[in-house]
PDB file of all heavy atoms in Angstrom:
ATOM      1  N   ALA A   1       7.557  11.706  -9.554  1.00  0.00           N
ATOM      2  CA  ALA A   1       6.846  10.295  -9.617  1.00  0.00           C
ATOM      3  C   ALA A   1       7.297   9.517  -8.410  1.00  0.00           C
ATOM      4  O   ALA A   1       6.358   8.899  -7.765  1.00  0.00           O
ATOM      5  CB  ALA A   1       7.163   9.558 -10.873  1.00  0.00           C
ATOM      6  N   ASN A   2       8.501   9.523  -8.030  1.00  0.00           N
ATOM      7  CA  ASN A   2       9.007   8.685  -6.897  1.00  0.00           C
ATOM      8  C   ASN A   2       8.422   9.271  -5.615  1.00  0.00           C
ATOM      9  O   ASN A   2       7.994   8.533  -4.599  1.00  0.00           O
ATOM     10  CB  ASN A   2      10.539   8.699  -6.781  1.00  0.00           C
ATOM     11  CG  ASN A   2      11.086   7.858  -7.883  1.00  0.00           C
ATOM     12  OD1 ASN A   2      10.443   7.019  -8.385  1.00  0.00           O
ATOM     13  ND2 ASN A   2      12.403   8.159  -8.258  1.00  0.00           N
ATOM     14  N   LEU A   3       8.324  10.614  -5.531  1.00  0.00           N
ATOM     15  CA  LEU A   3       7.729  11.220  -4.315  1.00  0.00           C
ATOM     16  C   LEU A   3       6.234  10.917  -4.281  1.00  0.00           C
ATOM     17  O   LEU A   3       5.808  10.728  -3.099  1.00  0.00           O
ATOM     18  CB  LEU A   3       7.943  12.705  -4.385  1.00  0.00           C
ATOM     19  CG  LEU A   3       9.355  13.206  -4.075  1.00  0.00           C
ATOM     20  CD1 LEU A   3       9.434  14.839  -4.290  1.00  0.00           C
ATOM     21  CD2 LEU A   3       9.876  12.971  -2.663  1.00  0.00           C
ATOM     22  N   GLY A   4       5.635  10.933  -5.336  1.00  0.00           N
ATOM     23  CA  GLY A   4       4.198  10.587  -5.282  1.00  0.00           C
ATOM     24  C   GLY A   4       4.008   9.157  -4.963  1.00  0.00           C
ATOM     25  O   GLY A   4       3.040   8.863  -4.151  1.00  0.00           O
ATOM     26  N   ALA A   5       4.758   8.204  -5.418  1.00  0.00           N
ATOM     27  CA  ALA A   5       4.645   6.811  -5.076  1.00  0.00           C
ATOM     28  C   ALA A   5       4.928   6.597  -3.562  1.00  0.00           C
ATOM     29  O   ALA A   5       4.320   5.866  -2.844  1.00  0.00           O
ATOM     30  CB  ALA A   5       5.593   5.986  -5.895  1.00  0.00           C
ATOM     31  N   TRP A   6       6.011   7.304  -3.063  1.00  0.00           N
ATOM     32  CA  TRP A   6       6.351   7.137  -1.620  1.00  0.00           C
ATOM     33  C   TRP A   6       5.186   7.718  -0.792  1.00  0.00           C
ATOM     34  O   TRP A   6       4.828   7.208   0.151  1.00  0.00           O
ATOM     35  CB  TRP A   6       7.632   8.023  -1.433  1.00  0.00           C
ATOM     36  CG  TRP A   6       8.034   8.086   0.077  1.00  0.00           C
ATOM     37  CD1 TRP A   6       8.622   7.070   0.753  1.00  0.00           C
ATOM     38  CD2 TRP A   6       7.679   9.102   0.941  1.00  0.00           C
ATOM     39  NE1 TRP A   6       8.738   7.468   2.094  1.00  0.00           N
ATOM     40  CE2 TRP A   6       8.243   8.737   2.236  1.00  0.00           C
ATOM     41  CE3 TRP A   6       6.990  10.306   0.836  1.00  0.00           C
ATOM     42  CZ2 TRP A   6       8.090   9.466   3.307  1.00  0.00           C
ATOM     43  CZ3 TRP A   6       6.923  11.106   1.956  1.00  0.00           C
ATOM     44  CH2 TRP A   6       7.453  10.691   3.163  1.00  0.00           C
ATOM     45  N   SER A   7       4.568   8.852  -1.192  1.00  0.00           N
ATOM     46  CA  SER A   7       3.471   9.510  -0.556  1.00  0.00           C
ATOM     47  C   SER A   7       2.297   8.598  -0.506  1.00  0.00           C
ATOM     48  O   SER A   7       1.695   8.388   0.615  1.00  0.00           O
ATOM     49  CB  SER A   7       3.148  10.863  -1.069  1.00  0.00           C
ATOM     50  OG  SER A   7       2.007  11.345  -0.441  1.00  0.00           O
ATOM     51  N   ALA A   8       1.978   7.935  -1.692  1.00  0.00           N
ATOM     52  CA  ALA A   8       0.861   7.046  -1.623  1.00  0.00           C
ATOM     53  C   ALA A   8       1.054   5.771  -0.846  1.00  0.00           C
ATOM     54  O   ALA A   8       0.264   5.240  -0.077  1.00  0.00           O
ATOM     55  CB  ALA A   8       0.581   6.556  -3.094  1.00  0.00           C
ATOM     56  N   GLY A   9       2.403   5.324  -0.798  1.00  0.00           N
ATOM     57  CA  GLY A   9       2.740   4.181   0.051  1.00  0.00           C
ATOM     58  C   GLY A   9       2.602   4.485   1.580  1.00  0.00           C
ATOM     59  O   GLY A   9       2.139   3.588   2.289  1.00  0.00           O
ATOM     60  N   VAL A  10       2.921   5.713   1.975  1.00  0.00           N
ATOM     61  CA  VAL A  10       2.797   6.108   3.358  1.00  0.00           C
ATOM     62  C   VAL A  10       1.254   6.213   3.663  1.00  0.00           C
ATOM     63  O   VAL A  10       0.841   5.834   4.723  1.00  0.00           O
ATOM     64  CB  VAL A  10       3.586   7.366   3.571  1.00  0.00           C
ATOM     65  CG1 VAL A  10       3.292   7.933   5.003  1.00  0.00           C
ATOM     66  CG2 VAL A  10       5.070   7.211   3.442  1.00  0.00           C
ATOM     67  N   ARG A  11       0.508   6.942   2.815  1.00  0.00           N
ATOM     68  CA  ARG A  11      -0.882   7.117   3.066  1.00  0.00           C
ATOM     69  C   ARG A  11      -1.685   5.856   3.168  1.00  0.00           C
ATOM     70  O   ARG A  11      -2.553   5.744   3.977  1.00  0.00           O
ATOM     71  CB  ARG A  11      -1.414   8.045   1.887  1.00  0.00           C
ATOM     72  CG  ARG A  11      -0.995   9.397   1.976  1.00  0.00           C
ATOM     73  CD  ARG A  11      -1.646  10.164   0.700  1.00  0.00           C
ATOM     74  NE  ARG A  11      -3.042  10.097   0.708  1.00  0.00           N
ATOM     75  CZ  ARG A  11      -3.796  10.436  -0.378  1.00  0.00           C
ATOM     76  NH1 ARG A  11      -3.204  10.798  -1.504  1.00  0.00           N
ATOM     77  NH2 ARG A  11      -5.066  10.334  -0.322  1.00  0.00           N
ATOM     78  N   TYR A  12      -1.296   4.872   2.310  1.00  0.00           N
ATOM     79  CA  TYR A  12      -2.102   3.649   2.279  1.00  0.00           C
ATOM     80  C   TYR A  12      -1.282   2.489   2.868  1.00  0.00           C
ATOM     81  O   TYR A  12      -1.593   1.278   2.453  1.00  0.00           O
ATOM     82  CB  TYR A  12      -2.591   3.333   0.855  1.00  0.00           C
ATOM     83  CG  TYR A  12      -3.409   4.514   0.247  1.00  0.00           C
ATOM     84  CD1 TYR A  12      -2.952   5.122  -0.942  1.00  0.00           C
ATOM     85  CD2 TYR A  12      -4.616   4.991   0.843  1.00  0.00           C
ATOM     86  CE1 TYR A  12      -3.691   6.221  -1.408  1.00  0.00           C
ATOM     87  CE2 TYR A  12      -5.168   5.950   0.304  1.00  0.00           C
ATOM     88  CZ  TYR A  12      -4.896   6.647  -0.850  1.00  0.00           C
ATOM     89  OH  TYR A  12      -5.460   7.640  -1.354  1.00  0.00           O
ATOM     90  N   ARG A  13      -0.361   2.669   3.698  1.00  0.00           N
ATOM     91  CA  ARG A  13       0.488   1.576   4.202  1.00  0.00           C
ATOM     92  C   ARG A  13      -0.382   0.526   4.966  1.00  0.00           C
ATOM     93  O   ARG A  13      -0.137  -0.623   4.784  1.00  0.00           O
ATOM     94  CB  ARG A  13       1.501   2.118   5.206  1.00  0.00           C
ATOM     95  CG  ARG A  13       2.491   1.096   5.799  1.00  0.00           C
ATOM     96  CD  ARG A  13       3.362   1.682   6.667  1.00  0.00           C
ATOM     97  NE  ARG A  13       4.374   2.585   5.909  1.00  0.00           N
ATOM     98  CZ  ARG A  13       5.085   3.411   6.501  1.00  0.00           C
ATOM     99  NH1 ARG A  13       5.263   3.512   7.816  1.00  0.00           N
ATOM    100  NH2 ARG A  13       5.786   4.263   5.748  1.00  0.00           N
ATOM    101  N   ALA A  14      -1.464   1.012   5.676  1.00  0.00           N
ATOM    102  CA  ALA A  14      -2.354   0.046   6.355  1.00  0.00           C
ATOM    103  C   ALA A  14      -2.899  -0.950   5.392  1.00  0.00           C
ATOM    104  O   ALA A  14      -3.112  -2.066   5.722  1.00  0.00           O
ATOM    105  CB  ALA A  14      -3.342   0.777   7.180  1.00  0.00           C
ATOM    106  N   PHE A  15      -3.346  -0.403   4.190  1.00  0.00           N
ATOM    107  CA  PHE A  15      -3.975  -1.413   3.259  1.00  0.00           C
ATOM    108  C   PHE A  15      -2.969  -2.416   2.796  1.00  0.00           C
ATOM    109  O   PHE A  15      -3.390  -3.672   2.601  1.00  0.00           O
ATOM    110  CB  PHE A  15      -4.417  -0.619   1.937  1.00  0.00           C
ATOM    111  CG  PHE A  15      -5.775   0.108   2.182  1.00  0.00           C
ATOM    112  CD1 PHE A  15      -6.522   0.005   3.378  1.00  0.00           C
ATOM    113  CD2 PHE A  15      -6.311   0.868   1.223  1.00  0.00           C
ATOM    114  CE1 PHE A  15      -7.703   0.617   3.625  1.00  0.00           C
ATOM    115  CE2 PHE A  15      -7.548   1.447   1.326  1.00  0.00           C
ATOM    116  CZ  PHE A  15      -8.161   1.348   2.599  1.00  0.00           C
ATOM    117  N   ARG A  16      -1.706  -2.076   2.536  1.00  0.00           N
ATOM    118  CA  ARG A  16      -0.638  -3.045   2.190  1.00  0.00           C
ATOM    119  C   ARG A  16      -0.472  -4.035   3.257  1.00  0.00           C
ATOM    120  O   ARG A  16      -0.395  -5.229   2.967  1.00  0.00           O
ATOM    121  CB  ARG A  16       0.689  -2.354   1.920  1.00  0.00           C
ATOM    122  CG  ARG A  16       0.674  -1.467   0.579  1.00  0.00           C
ATOM    123  CD  ARG A  16       1.998  -0.893   0.490  1.00  0.00           C
ATOM    124  NE  ARG A  16       1.993   0.118  -0.675  1.00  0.00           N
ATOM    125  CZ  ARG A  16       2.180  -0.206  -1.977  1.00  0.00           C
ATOM    126  NH1 ARG A  16       2.299  -1.499  -2.289  1.00  0.00           N
ATOM    127  NH2 ARG A  16       2.168   0.635  -2.934  1.00  0.00           N
ATOM    128  N   GLN A  17      -0.504  -3.566   4.516  1.00  0.00           N
ATOM    129  CA  GLN A  17      -0.300  -4.589   5.586  1.00  0.00           C
ATOM    130  C   GLN A  17      -1.492  -5.440   5.782  1.00  0.00           C
ATOM    131  O   GLN A  17      -1.382  -6.655   6.128  1.00  0.00           O
ATOM    132  CB  GLN A  17      -0.138  -3.743   6.984  1.00  0.00           C
ATOM    133  CG  GLN A  17       1.251  -2.982   6.939  1.00  0.00           C
ATOM    134  CD  GLN A  17       1.329  -2.085   8.007  1.00  0.00           C
ATOM    135  OE1 GLN A  17       0.318  -1.511   8.566  1.00  0.00           O
ATOM    136  NE2 GLN A  17       2.595  -1.749   8.438  1.00  0.00           N
ATOM    137  N   LEU A  18      -2.726  -4.900   5.440  1.00  0.00           N
ATOM    138  CA  LEU A  18      -3.957  -5.716   5.491  1.00  0.00           C
ATOM    139  C   LEU A  18      -3.798  -6.828   4.421  1.00  0.00           C
ATOM    140  O   LEU A  18      -4.197  -7.983   4.698  1.00  0.00           O
ATOM    141  CB  LEU A  18      -5.196  -4.866   5.230  1.00  0.00           C
ATOM    142  CG  LEU A  18      -6.506  -5.483   5.222  1.00  0.00           C
ATOM    143  CD1 LEU A  18      -6.967  -6.020   6.584  1.00  0.00           C
ATOM    144  CD2 LEU A  18      -7.627  -4.646   4.716  1.00  0.00           C
ATOM    145  N   ALA A  19      -3.417  -6.473   3.166  1.00  0.00           N
ATOM    146  CA  ALA A  19      -3.266  -7.415   2.193  1.00  0.00           C
ATOM    147  C   ALA A  19      -2.269  -8.605   2.589  1.00  0.00           C
ATOM    148  O   ALA A  19      -2.661  -9.740   2.357  1.00  0.00           O
ATOM    149  CB  ALA A  19      -2.860  -6.835   0.844  1.00  0.00           C
ATOM    150  N   ALA A  20      -1.220  -8.185   3.295  1.00  0.00           N
ATOM    151  CA  ALA A  20      -0.278  -9.339   3.683  1.00  0.00           C
ATOM    152  C   ALA A  20      -0.918 -10.085   4.825  1.00  0.00           C
ATOM    153  O   ALA A  20      -0.663 -11.268   4.741  1.00  0.00           O
ATOM    154  CB  ALA A  20       0.975  -8.570   4.147  1.00  0.00           C
ATOM    155  N   ARG A  21      -1.675  -9.534   5.742  1.00  0.00           N
ATOM    156  CA  ARG A  21      -2.231 -10.294   6.803  1.00  0.00           C
ATOM    157  C   ARG A  21      -3.201 -11.348   6.283  1.00  0.00           C
ATOM    158  O   ARG A  21      -3.233 -12.468   6.790  1.00  0.00           O
ATOM    159  CB  ARG A  21      -2.887  -9.336   7.732  1.00  0.00           C
ATOM    160  CG  ARG A  21      -3.622 -10.149   8.856  1.00  0.00           C
ATOM    161  CD  ARG A  21      -4.064  -9.157   9.960  1.00  0.00           C
ATOM    162  NE  ARG A  21      -4.674  -9.894  11.004  1.00  0.00           N
ATOM    163  CZ  ARG A  21      -5.051  -9.367  12.237  1.00  0.00           C
ATOM    164  NH1 ARG A  21      -4.887  -8.092  12.458  1.00  0.00           N
ATOM    165  NH2 ARG A  21      -5.765 -10.100  13.148  1.00  0.00           N
ATOM    166  N   PHE A  22      -4.054 -10.981   5.332  1.00  0.00           N
ATOM    167  CA  PHE A  22      -5.010 -11.901   4.869  1.00  0.00           C
ATOM    168  C   PHE A  22      -4.605 -12.705   3.526  1.00  0.00           C
ATOM    169  O   PHE A  22      -5.567 -13.145   2.864  1.00  0.00           O
ATOM    170  CB  PHE A  22      -6.358 -11.134   4.615  1.00  0.00           C
ATOM    171  CG  PHE A  22      -7.090 -10.839   5.908  1.00  0.00           C
ATOM    172  CD1 PHE A  22      -6.846  -9.541   6.523  1.00  0.00           C
ATOM    173  CD2 PHE A  22      -7.806 -11.730   6.590  1.00  0.00           C
ATOM    174  CE1 PHE A  22      -7.508  -9.211   7.644  1.00  0.00           C
ATOM    175  CE2 PHE A  22      -8.469 -11.395   7.821  1.00  0.00           C
ATOM    176  CZ  PHE A  22      -8.321 -10.096   8.308  1.00  0.00           C
ATOM    177  N   ASN A  23      -3.409 -12.529   3.126  1.00  0.00           N
ATOM    178  CA  ASN A  23      -2.916 -13.164   1.906  1.00  0.00           C
ATOM    179  C   ASN A  23      -3.783 -12.693   0.751  1.00  0.00           C
ATOM    180  O   ASN A  23      -4.172 -13.564  -0.197  1.00  0.00           O
ATOM    181  CB  ASN A  23      -2.946 -14.679   1.988  1.00  0.00           C
ATOM    182  CG  ASN A  23      -1.968 -15.281   3.000  1.00  0.00           C
ATOM    183  OD1 ASN A  23      -0.876 -14.754   3.183  1.00  0.00           O
ATOM    184  ND2 ASN A  23      -2.468 -16.208   3.805  1.00  0.00           N
ATOM    185  N   GLY A  24      -4.108 -11.467   0.764  1.00  0.00           N
ATOM    186  CA  GLY A  24      -4.938 -10.862  -0.321  1.00  0.00           C
ATOM    187  C   GLY A  24      -4.060 -10.104  -1.367  1.00  0.00           C
ATOM    188  O   GLY A  24      -2.888 -10.221  -1.407  1.00  0.00           O
ATOM    189  N   ARG A  25      -4.901  -9.335  -2.123  1.00  0.00           N
ATOM    190  CA  ARG A  25      -4.399  -8.702  -3.402  1.00  0.00           C
ATOM    191  C   ARG A  25      -4.466  -7.248  -3.123  1.00  0.00           C
ATOM    192  O   ARG A  25      -5.635  -6.704  -2.911  1.00  0.00           O
ATOM    193  CB  ARG A  25      -5.119  -9.129  -4.588  1.00  0.00           C
ATOM    194  CG  ARG A  25      -4.517  -8.523  -5.861  1.00  0.00           C
ATOM    195  CD  ARG A  25      -5.261  -9.044  -7.025  1.00  0.00           C
ATOM    196  NE  ARG A  25      -4.808  -8.510  -8.272  1.00  0.00           N
ATOM    197  CZ  ARG A  25      -5.332  -8.800  -9.426  1.00  0.00           C
ATOM    198  NH1 ARG A  25      -6.367  -9.690  -9.612  1.00  0.00           N
ATOM    199  NH2 ARG A  25      -4.763  -8.186 -10.514  1.00  0.00           N
ATOM    200  N   TYR A  26      -3.457  -6.483  -3.282  1.00  0.00           N
ATOM    201  CA  TYR A  26      -3.418  -5.002  -3.187  1.00  0.00           C
ATOM    202  C   TYR A  26      -3.429  -4.434  -4.514  1.00  0.00           C
ATOM    203  O   TYR A  26      -2.624  -4.803  -5.325  1.00  0.00           O
ATOM    204  CB  TYR A  26      -2.223  -4.562  -2.372  1.00  0.00           C
ATOM    205  CG  TYR A  26      -1.999  -3.097  -2.274  1.00  0.00           C
ATOM    206  CD1 TYR A  26      -2.530  -2.322  -1.192  1.00  0.00           C
ATOM    207  CD2 TYR A  26      -1.437  -2.351  -3.341  1.00  0.00           C
ATOM    208  CE1 TYR A  26      -2.458  -0.926  -1.204  1.00  0.00           C
ATOM    209  CE2 TYR A  26      -1.089  -1.017  -3.178  1.00  0.00           C
ATOM    210  CZ  TYR A  26      -1.651  -0.243  -2.165  1.00  0.00           C
ATOM    211  OH  TYR A  26      -1.540   1.123  -2.160  1.00  0.00           O
ATOM    212  N   GLU A  27      -4.440  -3.678  -4.841  1.00  0.00           N
ATOM    213  CA  GLU A  27      -4.568  -3.088  -6.219  1.00  0.00           C
ATOM    214  C   GLU A  27      -4.563  -1.598  -6.154  1.00  0.00           C
ATOM    215  O   GLU A  27      -5.403  -0.960  -5.239  1.00  0.00           O
ATOM    216  CB  GLU A  27      -5.886  -3.640  -6.792  1.00  0.00           C
ATOM    217  CG  GLU A  27      -5.947  -5.115  -7.037  1.00  0.00           C
ATOM    218  CD  GLU A  27      -7.320  -5.526  -7.628  1.00  0.00           C
ATOM    219  OE1 GLU A  27      -8.191  -5.654  -6.903  1.00  0.00           O
ATOM    220  OE2 GLU A  27      -7.292  -5.746  -8.843  1.00  0.00           O
ATOM    221  N   SER A  28      -3.890  -0.984  -6.963  1.00  0.00           N
ATOM    222  CA  SER A  28      -3.902   0.563  -7.176  1.00  0.00           C
ATOM    223  C   SER A  28      -3.879   0.899  -8.502  1.00  0.00           C
ATOM    224  O   SER A  28      -3.172   0.391  -9.408  1.00  0.00           O
ATOM    225  CB  SER A  28      -2.616   1.158  -6.417  1.00  0.00           C
ATOM    226  OG  SER A  28      -2.572   2.548  -6.570  1.00  0.00           O
TER     227      SER A  28
END
């Protein structure tokens, strides 16, 4: 589970950074 979460975080890191830039909401 941790490996899956880490993999998803790496794959979609740009989405997390986008949410931070626009003060938005990241949903998974």
